Amino acid sequence: MHLTLKSYLPKETVIERLQALLRSEHINFHVDGNNIITTDIPLPIFSFDKRLYSRNNWLGINPFVVVSRIDFAIQGTANIQIDITIDRLRSFVIYLLIISLACLIVTSIPNLYFGICFFLFFIIISWLILFKLCIYLIVNEINKSLS
């Protein structure tokens, strides 16, 4: 997924604020000139892992844990353009695991109609959370850090 944001802050300030955001979300990164490349995004497995939670958004979860990689390319001098590339491979793998879990749950529901309704509801809600809400929260946190 590719996004483009604009900022009127100086380039050094944009890089510093993006670095501060990534550090606050426990993400390891590498700065290469005007590019910030993430090297390690944590994948917390247990609910007591503090890397799963964030104080930067209204939901309280760390939306960066469902993406595999985020790259920032900062261009320009006066009007800064930030090209963001988000690799969502981890989201697709999590989604496939959720689909398989839903299939297992549906097989234990005796009524076929309720099983199909539950399956569709479970799949749609999971898709909305993984692919819409988390991307919205990531973009919102980046915008908030740059304002």
Protein backbone atom coordinates (compact mmCIF):
# COMPACT_ATOMS: atom_id res chain seq x y z
CA MET A 1 0.00 0.00 0.00
CA HIS A 2 1.34 3.40 -0.93
CA LEU A 3 0.37 6.71 0.71
CA THR A 4 1.56 10.28 0.26
CA LEU A 5 1.42 12.96 2.95
CA LYS A 6 2.47 16.59 2.83
CA SER A 7 4.07 18.64 5.59
CA TYR A 8 5.26 22.22 5.91
CA LEU A 9 7.78 21.40 8.63
CA PRO A 10 11.53 21.37 7.90
CA LYS A 11 12.90 18.06 6.66
CA GLU A 12 15.03 17.48 9.79
CA THR A 13 12.01 18.01 12.04
CA VAL A 14 9.92 15.56 9.99
CA ILE A 15 12.63 12.91 10.25
CA GLU A 16 13.04 13.48 14.00
CA ARG A 17 9.29 13.27 14.64
CA LEU A 18 8.90 10.10 12.59
CA GLN A 19 11.83 8.56 14.47
CA ALA A 20 10.21 9.51 17.79
CA LEU A 21 6.93 7.93 16.68
CA LEU A 22 8.63 4.69 15.66
CA ARG A 23 10.60 4.55 18.92
CA SER A 24 7.43 5.09 20.97
CA GLU A 25 5.84 2.12 19.17
CA HIS A 26 8.90 -0.12 19.83
CA ILE A 27 9.87 -0.34 16.14
CA ASN A 28 13.51 -0.72 15.09
CA PHE A 29 14.47 1.29 12.04
CA HIS A 30 17.38 2.44 9.91
CA VAL A 31 17.79 6.01 8.61
CA ASP A 32 19.42 6.30 5.21
CA GLY A 33 19.62 9.97 4.22
CA ASN A 34 16.03 11.02 3.62
CA ASN A 35 14.60 7.51 4.00
CA ILE A 36 13.46 5.74 7.14
CA ILE A 37 13.27 1.97 6.73
CA THR A 38 11.83 -0.25 9.45
CA THR A 39 13.95 -3.28 10.21
CA ASP A 40 11.93 -4.96 12.96
CA ILE A 41 8.29 -4.47 13.87
CA PRO A 42 7.40 -6.43 17.02
CA LEU A 43 4.82 -9.20 16.95
CA PRO A 44 3.49 -9.51 20.50
CA ILE A 45 1.82 -12.85 21.07
CA PHE A 46 0.56 -12.49 24.63
CA SER A 47 -1.85 -9.82 25.82
CA PHE A 48 0.44 -8.73 28.67
CA ASP A 49 3.18 -7.67 26.24
CA LYS A 50 3.42 -3.87 26.47
CA ARG A 51 4.33 -3.57 22.78
CA LEU A 52 0.74 -4.49 21.87
CA TYR A 53 -0.62 -1.28 23.38
CA SER A 54 -0.20 2.37 22.52
CA ARG A 55 -1.15 5.70 24.06
CA ASN A 56 -1.03 7.48 20.71
CA ASN A 57 -4.57 6.64 19.54
CA TRP A 58 -8.08 6.48 20.91
CA LEU A 59 -8.31 2.69 20.73
CA GLY A 60 -5.23 1.98 22.83
CA ILE A 61 -3.72 -0.67 20.55
CA ASN A 62 -0.50 -0.47 18.59
CA PRO A 63 -1.65 -0.56 14.94
CA PHE A 64 1.89 -1.11 13.67
CA VAL A 65 1.96 -4.73 14.91
CA VAL A 66 -0.27 -5.93 12.06
CA VAL A 67 2.01 -4.67 9.27
CA SER A 68 5.27 -6.26 8.18
CA ARG A 69 7.20 -3.17 7.14
CA ILE A 70 6.83 0.60 6.74
CA ASP A 71 9.16 2.72 4.64
CA PHE A 72 9.21 6.51 4.63
CA ALA A 73 10.75 8.49 1.76
CA ILE A 74 10.98 12.21 2.52
CA GLN A 75 11.30 14.50 -0.50
CA GLY A 76 11.41 18.24 -1.04
CA THR A 77 12.77 21.21 0.86
CA ALA A 78 9.98 23.76 1.44
CA ASN A 79 6.88 21.60 0.96
CA ILE A 80 7.86 18.21 2.26
CA GLN A 81 6.29 15.19 0.59
CA ILE A 82 6.36 11.96 2.58
CA ASP A 83 5.89 8.77 0.57
CA ILE A 84 4.84 5.92 2.85
CA THR A 85 5.00 2.31 1.71
CA ILE A 86 3.22 -0.20 3.96
CA ASP A 87 3.82 -3.93 3.51
CA ARG A 88 0.73 -5.76 4.79
CA LEU A 89 1.92 -9.37 4.46
CA ARG A 90 1.55 -9.91 8.21
CA SER A 91 -2.06 -8.66 8.00
CA PHE A 92 -2.87 -11.21 5.30
CA VAL A 93 -1.33 -14.05 7.33
CA ILE A 94 -3.28 -13.02 10.44
CA TYR A 95 -6.44 -12.80 8.33
CA LEU A 96 -5.90 -16.33 6.98
CA LEU A 97 -5.48 -17.59 10.54
CA ILE A 98 -8.73 -15.86 11.51
CA ILE A 99 -10.53 -17.45 8.55
CA SER A 100 -9.29 -20.90 9.56
CA LEU A 101 -10.36 -20.28 13.16
CA ALA A 102 -13.81 -19.20 11.95
CA CYS A 103 -14.08 -22.38 9.87
CA LEU A 104 -13.30 -24.49 12.92
CA ILE A 105 -15.88 -22.64 15.01
CA VAL A 106 -18.55 -22.95 12.31
CA THR A 107 -18.14 -26.71 12.15
CA SER A 108 -19.12 -26.93 15.82
CA ILE A 109 -22.35 -24.91 15.38
CA PRO A 110 -25.25 -27.35 14.87
CA ASN A 111 -27.51 -24.96 12.94
CA LEU A 112 -26.18 -24.31 9.42
CA TYR A 113 -27.93 -20.94 9.09
CA PHE A 114 -26.40 -19.58 12.30
CA GLY A 115 -23.04 -21.01 11.34
CA ILE A 116 -23.00 -19.22 8.00
CA CYS A 117 -24.17 -15.95 9.59
CA PHE A 118 -21.49 -16.22 12.27
CA PHE A 119 -18.82 -16.98 9.67
CA LEU A 120 -19.75 -14.00 7.49
CA PHE A 121 -19.97 -11.65 10.49
CA PHE A 122 -16.62 -12.86 11.85
CA ILE A 123 -14.87 -12.52 8.49
CA ILE A 124 -16.26 -9.04 7.73
CA ILE A 125 -15.45 -7.63 11.17
CA SER A 126 -11.93 -9.09 11.04
CA TRP A 127 -11.35 -7.59 7.59
CA LEU A 128 -12.55 -4.18 8.75
CA ILE A 129 -10.28 -4.25 11.80
CA LEU A 130 -7.15 -5.55 10.07
CA PHE A 131 -7.29 -3.69 6.78
CA LYS A 132 -9.28 -0.54 7.42
CA LEU A 133 -9.06 0.41 11.08
CA CYS A 134 -5.37 -0.35 11.58
CA ILE A 135 -4.33 1.54 8.42
CA TYR A 136 -6.51 4.46 9.52
CA LEU A 137 -4.85 4.44 12.96
CA ILE A 138 -1.35 4.30 11.43
CA VAL A 139 -2.03 7.27 9.16
CA ASN A 140 -3.70 9.13 12.02
CA GLU A 141 -0.69 8.60 14.30
CA ILE A 142 1.71 9.75 11.57
CA ASN A 143 -0.38 12.88 10.92
CA LYS A 144 -0.60 13.60 14.65
CA SER A 145 3.15 13.27 15.08
CA LEU A 146 3.79 15.66 12.17
CA SER A 147 1.38 18.36 13.33
